[in-house]
């Protein structure tokens, strides 16, 4: 009698596109291409996307998945025909944790928003009769995580998405075609389809432009806590002993610094009404972000490029998923632009006063973002924020995932 070989589940082939958007990249799926068990929220969908990325990975390498073991490259996007009138597609974003079994659906990725428009056009979500032969097409995107509109102005050449061009984006090695993003009414995030927690109905959830934030073990910090683009806690670099010109290694190689920023983030989340207790921050890793600001100064970017103080209005460094970001998150750039337009915030203070467009320095270079903010009935509002990014298809075909990861419990 011979023993039967053990039975192992075959691999599924799931159509997917690997795309760069801004300074991030991720795996894009059409909703209808996912296994039926993973088309709705829940543990099956999370398990499938974690396996696609290669998480959780105690080695922090993502060797057995599509992730890049950084917050900028551990992302999945699900696109479907829009459930909303006057919109073309719904965009659902999952930030996959690297070393824990967790997918955070509490916010959006502004960088990958850039790739949603091109993906929608290339994958048949837009009727070709609506597209110009040459020019730009405004793809109206419903950001399902938080319930907001993004208009992605996609360049079209010969009736197809134009990807190549001469637009240069600091943090991205090669030039590409410019895509203009409009984040419409980016403040007041509420609970969306992704399961993000609601925040108080105010751009400034505490009601203040600057608060005294008590952080155990650190002290009381001046903080601007704003909900625009993505909930963000801004603090002064100098109050933490930094210059604002730090690059990744200065922060990410310092375990005490990372622990400090996580503590600030957790207590900022409580003050913003995002969580009830600081201990809950581990279950909400994507939001809020923590960023530190400083007045303009000369510095050398991570590429070796010299940035002169005269080229920028202020310096900003932001952390994402527990690490200093290599450039700047698109959503945090919206928060920066909005806060810079409002007199009295720490961001406008660092920039020498409120302005409708701001160019700030980040670890990889500079970025310009504009915002239209106004004081209405005693409360600050923002109609839209605008910035330019680029996107490109890196690979398309199918990802393979062991079938066990698509089975319902």
Protein backbone atom coordinates (compact mmCIF):
# COMPACT_ATOMS: atom_id res chain seq x y z
CA UNK A 1 0.00 0.00 0.00
CA UNK A 2 1.39 3.38 -0.96
CA UNK A 3 0.73 6.60 0.81
CA UNK A 4 -1.06 9.27 -1.20
CA UNK A 5 0.86 12.49 -1.63
CA UNK A 6 -0.43 15.41 0.41
CA UNK A 7 -3.00 17.56 -1.34
CA UNK A 8 -2.07 21.19 -1.86
CA UNK A 9 -4.31 23.94 -3.12
CA UNK A 10 -3.52 25.18 -6.64
CA UNK A 11 -2.73 28.82 -7.29
CA UNK A 12 -5.39 31.22 -8.50
CA UNK A 13 -4.62 33.53 -11.41
CA UNK A 14 -6.21 36.92 -10.77
CA UNK A 15 -6.05 39.63 -13.46
CA UNK A 16 -4.15 42.60 -12.08
CA UNK A 17 -2.09 45.63 -13.03
CA UNK A 18 1.00 46.80 -11.18
CA UNK A 19 1.09 50.59 -11.35
CA UNK A 20 3.08 53.53 -10.11
CA UNK A 21 1.07 56.54 -9.04
CA UNK A 22 3.01 59.57 -7.81
CA UNK A 23 5.72 58.31 -5.48
CA UNK A 24 3.86 55.09 -4.61
CA UNK A 25 3.08 51.87 -6.42
CA UNK A 26 0.53 49.16 -5.87
CA UNK A 27 -1.46 46.27 -7.29
CA UNK A 28 -4.69 47.33 -9.03
CA UNK A 29 -7.70 45.03 -9.44
CA UNK A 30 -11.05 45.31 -11.15
CA UNK A 31 -13.61 44.33 -8.53
CA UNK A 32 -15.25 41.78 -10.83
CA UNK A 33 -11.90 40.03 -11.37
CA UNK A 34 -11.52 39.16 -7.70
CA UNK A 35 -12.81 35.80 -6.44
CA UNK A 36 -16.45 36.20 -5.39
CA UNK A 37 -15.51 35.50 -1.77
CA UNK A 38 -13.20 38.53 -1.77
CA UNK A 39 -15.42 41.11 -3.45
CA UNK A 40 -16.81 42.45 -0.20
CA UNK A 41 -15.19 43.62 3.03
CA UNK A 42 -14.09 41.02 5.53
CA UNK A 43 -11.35 38.59 6.49
CA UNK A 44 -11.27 36.76 3.13
CA UNK A 45 -10.60 39.93 1.17
CA UNK A 46 -7.97 41.03 3.68
CA UNK A 47 -6.25 37.64 3.65
CA UNK A 48 -6.17 37.59 -0.15
CA UNK A 49 -4.64 41.08 -0.45
CA UNK A 50 -2.09 40.37 2.27
CA UNK A 51 -1.01 37.26 0.37
CA UNK A 52 -0.74 39.27 -2.86
CA UNK A 53 1.59 41.73 -1.15
CA UNK A 54 3.46 39.04 0.82
CA UNK A 55 2.40 40.07 4.33
CA UNK A 56 2.83 39.59 7.17
CA UNK A 57 6.55 39.20 6.66
CA UNK A 58 8.74 39.02 9.79
CA UNK A 59 11.77 39.46 7.51
CA UNK A 60 10.30 42.79 6.25
CA UNK A 61 11.31 42.03 2.66
CA UNK A 62 8.09 40.92 0.87
CA UNK A 63 10.18 38.39 -1.02
CA UNK A 64 7.15 36.15 -1.58
CA UNK A 65 4.76 38.85 -2.77
CA UNK A 66 4.29 41.98 -4.82
CA UNK A 67 5.00 44.42 -2.01
CA UNK A 68 8.17 46.42 -1.61
CA UNK A 69 8.35 46.31 2.20
CA UNK A 70 7.72 50.05 2.55
CA UNK A 71 4.53 52.00 3.23
CA UNK A 72 4.78 53.40 -0.31
CA UNK A 73 4.83 49.99 -1.96
CA UNK A 74 2.55 47.82 0.20
CA UNK A 75 -0.73 48.89 -1.35
CA UNK A 76 -3.72 47.39 -3.14
CA UNK A 77 -6.46 49.17 -5.07
CA UNK A 78 -9.89 47.87 -6.12
CA UNK A 79 -11.71 49.69 -8.93
CA UNK A 80 -15.37 49.26 -9.91
CA UNK A 81 -18.02 51.13 -11.86
CA UNK A 82 -19.21 53.95 -9.70
CA UNK A 83 -22.18 53.54 -7.42
CA UNK A 84 -22.54 57.33 -7.35
CA UNK A 85 -24.16 59.65 -9.91
CA UNK A 86 -21.84 61.88 -11.92
CA UNK A 87 -18.83 59.67 -11.13
CA UNK A 88 -17.01 57.22 -13.38
CA UNK A 89 -15.43 54.75 -10.95
CA UNK A 90 -15.25 53.87 -7.27
CA UNK A 91 -11.73 53.68 -5.84
CA UNK A 92 -11.15 51.53 -2.77
CA UNK A 93 -7.69 51.51 -1.21
CA UNK A 94 -6.07 49.07 1.22
CA UNK A 95 -2.80 49.84 3.01
CA UNK A 96 -1.23 46.47 3.84
CA UNK A 97 0.87 46.25 6.98
CA UNK A 98 4.32 44.80 6.45
CA UNK A 99 4.89 42.78 9.60
CA UNK A 100 1.38 42.24 11.02
CA UNK A 101 -1.73 40.59 9.61
CA UNK A 102 -3.62 43.80 8.99
CA UNK A 103 -5.09 45.82 6.12
CA UNK A 104 -5.97 49.42 6.97
CA UNK A 105 -9.00 50.78 5.10
CA UNK A 106 -9.27 54.01 7.11
CA UNK A 107 -7.96 56.43 4.48
CA UNK A 108 -7.00 56.93 0.88
CA UNK A 109 -3.70 57.10 -0.98
CA UNK A 110 -3.34 60.42 -2.76
CA UNK A 111 -0.37 59.23 -4.80
CA UNK A 112 -2.17 56.17 -6.15
CA UNK A 113 -5.19 58.36 -6.88
CA UNK A 114 -3.12 59.54 -9.84
CA UNK A 115 -3.17 56.05 -11.36
CA UNK A 116 -6.91 55.50 -10.90
CA UNK A 117 -7.83 57.69 -13.88
CA UNK A 118 -5.45 56.00 -16.34
CA UNK A 119 -6.49 52.56 -15.05
CA UNK A 120 -10.17 53.40 -15.49
CA UNK A 121 -9.65 54.49 -19.10
CA UNK A 122 -7.38 51.59 -20.04
CA UNK A 123 -9.72 49.02 -18.49
CA UNK A 124 -12.90 50.08 -20.24
CA UNK A 125 -14.66 51.95 -17.44
CA UNK A 126 -14.92 55.03 -19.67
CA UNK A 127 -16.89 54.84 -22.93
CA UNK A 128 -14.40 55.54 -25.71
CA UNK A 129 -16.89 57.89 -27.38
CA UNK A 130 -16.35 60.29 -24.48
CA UNK A 131 -12.59 60.46 -24.92
CA UNK A 132 -10.90 63.13 -27.02
CA UNK A 133 -8.48 62.03 -29.70
CA UNK A 134 -5.92 64.33 -28.13
CA UNK A 135 -6.14 66.45 -25.00
CA UNK A 136 -7.15 65.62 -21.44
CA UNK A 137 -10.09 63.76 -19.95
CA UNK A 138 -11.41 64.40 -16.41
CA UNK A 139 -12.08 61.03 -14.77
CA UNK A 140 -14.42 61.59 -11.82
CA UNK A 141 -13.43 59.22 -9.04
CA UNK A 142 -15.43 58.40 -5.93
CA UNK A 143 -12.98 57.66 -3.14
CA UNK A 144 -14.94 54.93 -1.38
CA UNK A 145 -12.85 54.71 1.79
CA UNK A 146 -13.78 58.19 2.92
CA UNK A 147 -16.56 59.29 0.59
CA UNK A 148 -14.90 62.08 -1.39
CA UNK A 149 -14.55 63.11 -5.03
CA UNK A 150 -11.24 63.25 -6.90
CA UNK A 151 -11.01 64.55 -10.46
CA UNK A 152 -8.09 63.01 -12.32
CA UNK A 153 -7.20 64.96 -15.47
CA UNK A 154 -5.62 62.29 -17.68
CA UNK A 155 -3.66 63.25 -20.83
CA UNK A 156 -4.87 61.51 -23.98
CA UNK A 157 -2.83 61.01 -27.16
CA UNK A 158 -4.25 59.27 -30.23
CA UNK A 159 -7.30 58.21 -28.23
CA UNK A 160 -5.29 56.41 -25.53
CA UNK A 161 -3.78 57.26 -22.16
CA UNK A 162 -0.49 59.12 -22.58
CA UNK A 163 2.03 57.82 -20.06
CA UNK A 164 5.35 59.17 -21.29
CA UNK A 165 6.29 62.82 -21.10
CA UNK A 166 8.74 65.32 -19.66
CA UNK A 167 7.06 66.05 -16.32
CA UNK A 168 9.53 65.47 -13.49
CA UNK A 169 8.36 64.56 -10.00
CA UNK A 170 10.86 64.59 -7.14
CA UNK A 171 10.96 61.12 -5.62
CA UNK A 172 10.47 59.44 -9.04
CA UNK A 173 13.55 58.69 -11.11
CA UNK A 174 12.19 59.09 -14.63
CA UNK A 175 9.91 61.73 -16.23
CA UNK A 176 6.40 60.92 -17.39
CA UNK A 177 3.18 62.63 -18.51
CA UNK A 178 1.73 65.17 -16.10
CA UNK A 179 -1.60 64.35 -14.45
CA UNK A 180 -3.42 67.10 -12.55
CA UNK A 181 -5.41 65.99 -9.51
CA UNK A 182 -8.25 67.94 -7.94
CA UNK A 183 -9.31 66.83 -4.46
CA UNK A 184 -12.84 68.23 -4.12
CA UNK A 185 -13.96 69.31 -0.64
CA UNK A 186 -11.14 67.24 0.91
CA UNK A 187 -12.01 68.04 4.54
CA UNK A 188 -14.43 66.35 6.94
CA UNK A 189 -13.70 62.72 6.23
CA UNK A 190 -16.52 60.46 7.30
CA UNK A 191 -17.05 56.74 7.36
CA UNK A 192 -16.79 55.27 3.87
CA UNK A 193 -17.15 51.84 2.33
CA UNK A 194 -13.69 50.87 3.48
CA UNK A 195 -14.67 51.02 7.12
CA UNK A 196 -12.78 54.16 8.11
CA UNK A 197 -13.89 55.69 11.38
CA UNK A 198 -15.72 58.99 11.22
CA UNK A 199 -14.24 62.13 12.71
CA UNK A 200 -15.96 65.17 14.07
CA UNK A 201 -17.58 67.34 11.42
CA UNK A 202 -14.85 69.94 11.20
CA UNK A 203 -11.66 70.52 9.31
CA UNK A 204 -10.15 71.14 12.74
CA UNK A 205 -11.73 68.45 14.93
CA UNK A 206 -10.66 70.12 18.19
CA UNK A 207 -12.04 73.47 17.07
CA UNK A 208 -8.58 75.05 17.28
CA UNK A 209 -5.94 75.95 14.72
CA UNK A 210 -3.24 75.10 17.28
CA UNK A 211 -3.61 72.92 20.36
CA UNK A 212 -1.48 71.99 23.32
CA UNK A 213 -1.12 68.23 22.84
CA UNK A 214 -0.10 66.39 26.00
CA UNK A 215 2.02 63.37 25.10
CA UNK A 216 3.07 61.10 27.99
CA UNK A 217 6.84 60.78 28.29
CA UNK A 218 7.41 63.60 25.82
CA UNK A 219 5.61 66.64 27.20
CA UNK A 220 3.21 69.21 25.83
CA UNK A 221 3.62 70.01 22.15
CA UNK A 222 2.04 72.70 20.02
CA UNK A 223 0.10 70.87 17.31
CA UNK A 224 -2.13 71.68 14.37
CA UNK A 225 -4.53 68.78 13.91
CA UNK A 226 -6.30 69.03 10.59
CA UNK A 227 -8.65 66.82 8.63
CA UNK A 228 -8.03 67.65 4.98
CA UNK A 229 -6.85 65.05 2.49
CA UNK A 230 -6.01 62.80 5.40
CA UNK A 231 -6.13 63.41 9.16
CA UNK A 232 -2.72 64.85 10.04
CA UNK A 233 -0.99 66.01 13.21
CA UNK A 234 1.54 68.78 12.50
CA UNK A 235 4.21 69.67 15.07
CA UNK A 236 7.26 71.92 14.96
CA UNK A 237 10.52 70.21 14.08
CA UNK A 238 12.40 72.38 16.58
CA UNK A 239 10.15 71.25 19.44
CA UNK A 240 11.38 67.69 18.81
CA UNK A 241 15.03 68.62 18.42
CA UNK A 242 15.03 68.39 14.61
CA UNK A 243 15.90 70.90 11.89
CA UNK A 244 13.24 69.79 9.40
CA UNK A 245 15.89 68.78 6.85
CA UNK A 246 16.15 65.16 8.05
CA UNK A 247 16.23 62.29 5.56
CA UNK A 248 14.92 58.77 6.12
CA UNK A 249 17.97 57.26 7.83
CA UNK A 250 18.01 59.96 10.50
CA UNK A 251 14.55 58.90 11.68
CA UNK A 252 14.01 55.33 10.54
CA UNK A 253 17.30 54.16 12.04
CA UNK A 254 16.37 55.57 15.44
CA UNK A 255 14.03 53.26 17.36
CA UNK A 256 13.45 55.85 20.09
CA UNK A 257 12.45 58.45 17.53
CA UNK A 258 9.98 56.08 15.86
CA UNK A 259 8.47 55.20 19.22
CA UNK A 260 8.15 58.91 20.02
CA UNK A 261 6.35 59.65 16.76
CA UNK A 262 3.99 56.71 17.27
CA UNK A 263 3.13 58.01 20.75
CA UNK A 264 2.45 61.46 19.31
CA UNK A 265 0.30 59.88 16.60
CA UNK A 266 -1.71 57.82 19.06
CA UNK A 267 -2.50 60.73 21.37
CA UNK A 268 -3.21 63.00 18.41
CA UNK A 269 -5.69 60.40 17.13
CA UNK A 270 -7.51 60.51 20.45
CA UNK A 271 -7.70 64.32 20.43
CA UNK A 272 -9.00 64.24 16.84
CA UNK A 273 -11.75 61.81 17.76
CA UNK A 274 -10.43 59.06 15.51
CA UNK A 275 -10.05 56.53 18.33
CA UNK A 276 -11.30 56.35 21.91
CA UNK A 277 -8.06 55.25 23.52
CA UNK A 278 -4.39 55.58 22.55
CA UNK A 279 -4.05 51.80 22.77
CA UNK A 280 -6.40 51.52 19.77
CA UNK A 281 -3.86 53.23 17.49
CA UNK A 282 -2.32 49.87 16.56
CA UNK A 283 -5.60 48.98 14.83
CA UNK A 284 -5.56 52.22 12.84
CA UNK A 285 -2.05 52.44 11.42
CA UNK A 286 -2.78 54.43 8.25
CA UNK A 287 -4.33 57.46 9.94
CA UNK A 288 -3.66 59.98 11.28
CA UNK A 289 -0.29 60.95 9.86
CA UNK A 290 2.33 62.84 11.86
CA UNK A 291 4.39 65.52 10.17
CA UNK A 292 6.95 68.03 11.43
CA UNK A 293 7.48 71.43 9.88
CA UNK A 294 10.26 74.00 9.80
CA UNK A 295 11.03 77.28 8.01
CA UNK A 296 12.90 77.04 4.69
CA UNK A 297 16.60 76.21 4.75
CA UNK A 298 19.24 74.85 2.38
CA UNK A 299 19.50 71.04 2.42
CA UNK A 300 20.55 68.07 0.30
CA UNK A 301 17.77 65.73 -0.85
CA UNK A 302 18.15 61.95 -0.79
CA UNK A 303 19.13 61.95 -4.49
CA UNK A 304 22.01 64.32 -3.78
CA UNK A 305 20.14 67.25 -5.30
CA UNK A 306 20.74 70.55 -3.51
CA UNK A 307 17.58 72.37 -2.44
CA UNK A 308 18.03 76.07 -1.75
CA UNK A 309 15.97 77.85 0.88
CA UNK A 310 14.91 80.31 -1.81
CA UNK A 311 13.22 77.47 -3.74
CA UNK A 312 10.76 76.53 -1.00
CA UNK A 313 8.33 78.14 1.42
CA UNK A 314 8.87 75.63 4.24
CA UNK A 315 10.14 72.14 5.00
CA UNK A 316 7.89 69.19 5.88
CA UNK A 317 8.68 65.62 6.84
CA UNK A 318 5.87 63.08 7.28
CA UNK A 319 5.66 59.60 8.73
CA UNK A 320 3.56 56.82 7.26
CA UNK A 321 2.96 53.37 8.74
CA UNK A 322 5.57 54.04 11.41
CA UNK A 323 8.38 55.23 9.13
CA UNK A 324 9.54 58.54 7.67
CA UNK A 325 8.19 58.75 4.11
CA UNK A 326 10.81 58.94 1.36
CA UNK A 327 9.01 61.86 -0.29
CA UNK A 328 5.50 63.05 0.56
CA UNK A 329 2.15 61.32 0.63
CA UNK A 330 -0.33 62.90 -1.76
CA UNK A 331 -3.00 63.08 0.91
CA UNK A 332 -0.60 64.69 3.37
CA UNK A 333 0.30 67.20 0.65
CA UNK A 334 -3.39 68.15 0.56
CA UNK A 335 -3.26 68.66 4.33
CA UNK A 336 -0.10 70.76 3.96
CA UNK A 337 -1.59 72.91 1.21
CA UNK A 338 -4.80 73.44 3.15
CA UNK A 339 -3.06 74.29 6.43
CA UNK A 340 -0.67 76.61 4.58
CA UNK A 341 -3.65 78.57 3.25
CA UNK A 342 -5.04 79.23 6.73
CA UNK A 343 -3.38 81.89 8.90
CA UNK A 344 -2.49 80.76 12.39
CA UNK A 345 -1.64 77.12 11.76
CA UNK A 346 1.84 75.76 12.44
CA UNK A 347 2.18 75.11 8.70
CA UNK A 348 1.42 78.68 7.65
CA UNK A 349 3.66 79.91 10.50
CA UNK A 350 6.60 77.86 9.18
CA UNK A 351 5.90 79.16 5.69
CA UNK A 352 5.99 82.79 6.76
CA UNK A 353 2.24 83.39 6.43
CA UNK A 354 -0.85 82.05 4.71
CA UNK A 355 -0.71 81.49 0.94
CA UNK A 356 -2.96 79.90 -1.68
CA UNK A 357 -0.13 77.86 -3.19
CA UNK A 358 2.89 76.53 -1.37
CA UNK A 359 6.09 74.79 -2.43
CA UNK A 360 7.56 72.71 0.34
CA UNK A 361 10.73 70.69 0.71
CA UNK A 362 10.56 66.96 1.50
CA UNK A 363 13.26 64.26 1.68
CA UNK A 364 13.30 63.69 -2.09
CA UNK A 365 12.97 67.29 -3.26
CA UNK A 366 10.09 69.73 -3.57
CA UNK A 367 6.37 69.71 -4.30
CA UNK A 368 3.88 72.45 -5.07
CA UNK A 369 0.25 72.23 -3.95
CA UNK A 370 -2.54 74.77 -4.02
CA UNK A 371 -5.67 75.00 -1.89
CA UNK A 372 -8.75 77.22 -1.83
CA UNK A 373 -9.67 77.82 1.81
CA UNK A 374 -12.27 80.21 3.19
CA UNK A 375 -13.77 81.16 6.56
CA UNK A 376 -17.51 80.43 6.40
CA UNK A 377 -19.78 81.07 9.38
CA UNK A 378 -16.79 81.02 11.68
CA UNK A 379 -15.40 77.71 10.38
CA UNK A 380 -12.64 77.10 7.88
CA UNK A 381 -13.58 75.19 4.75
CA UNK A 382 -11.62 74.13 1.70
CA UNK A 383 -13.28 73.81 -1.71
CA UNK A 384 -10.49 71.91 -3.41
CA UNK A 385 -6.78 71.21 -3.42
CA UNK A 386 -4.78 70.80 -6.62
CA UNK A 387 -1.43 69.21 -7.42
CA UNK A 388 0.38 67.57 -10.32
CA UNK A 389 1.66 63.99 -10.27
CA UNK A 390 2.32 61.25 -12.83
CA UNK A 391 1.49 57.56 -13.23
CA UNK A 392 2.58 54.60 -15.31
CA UNK A 393 1.71 50.95 -15.84
CA UNK A 394 4.67 48.84 -14.71
CA UNK A 395 3.25 45.39 -15.47
CA UNK A 396 -0.09 43.85 -16.34
CA UNK A 397 -1.35 40.32 -16.47
CA UNK A 398 -2.23 38.19 -13.45
CA UNK A 399 -1.01 37.71 -9.92
CA UNK A 400 -0.97 34.23 -8.46
CA UNK A 401 -2.23 33.44 -5.00
CA UNK A 402 -2.70 30.03 -3.33
CA UNK A 403 -6.43 29.20 -3.56
CA UNK A 404 -6.68 28.69 0.20
CA UNK A 405 -6.51 32.46 0.60
CA UNK A 406 -9.80 32.98 -1.27
CA UNK A 407 -11.86 30.42 0.62
CA UNK A 408 -14.62 31.55 2.92
CA UNK A 409 -14.34 30.47 6.51
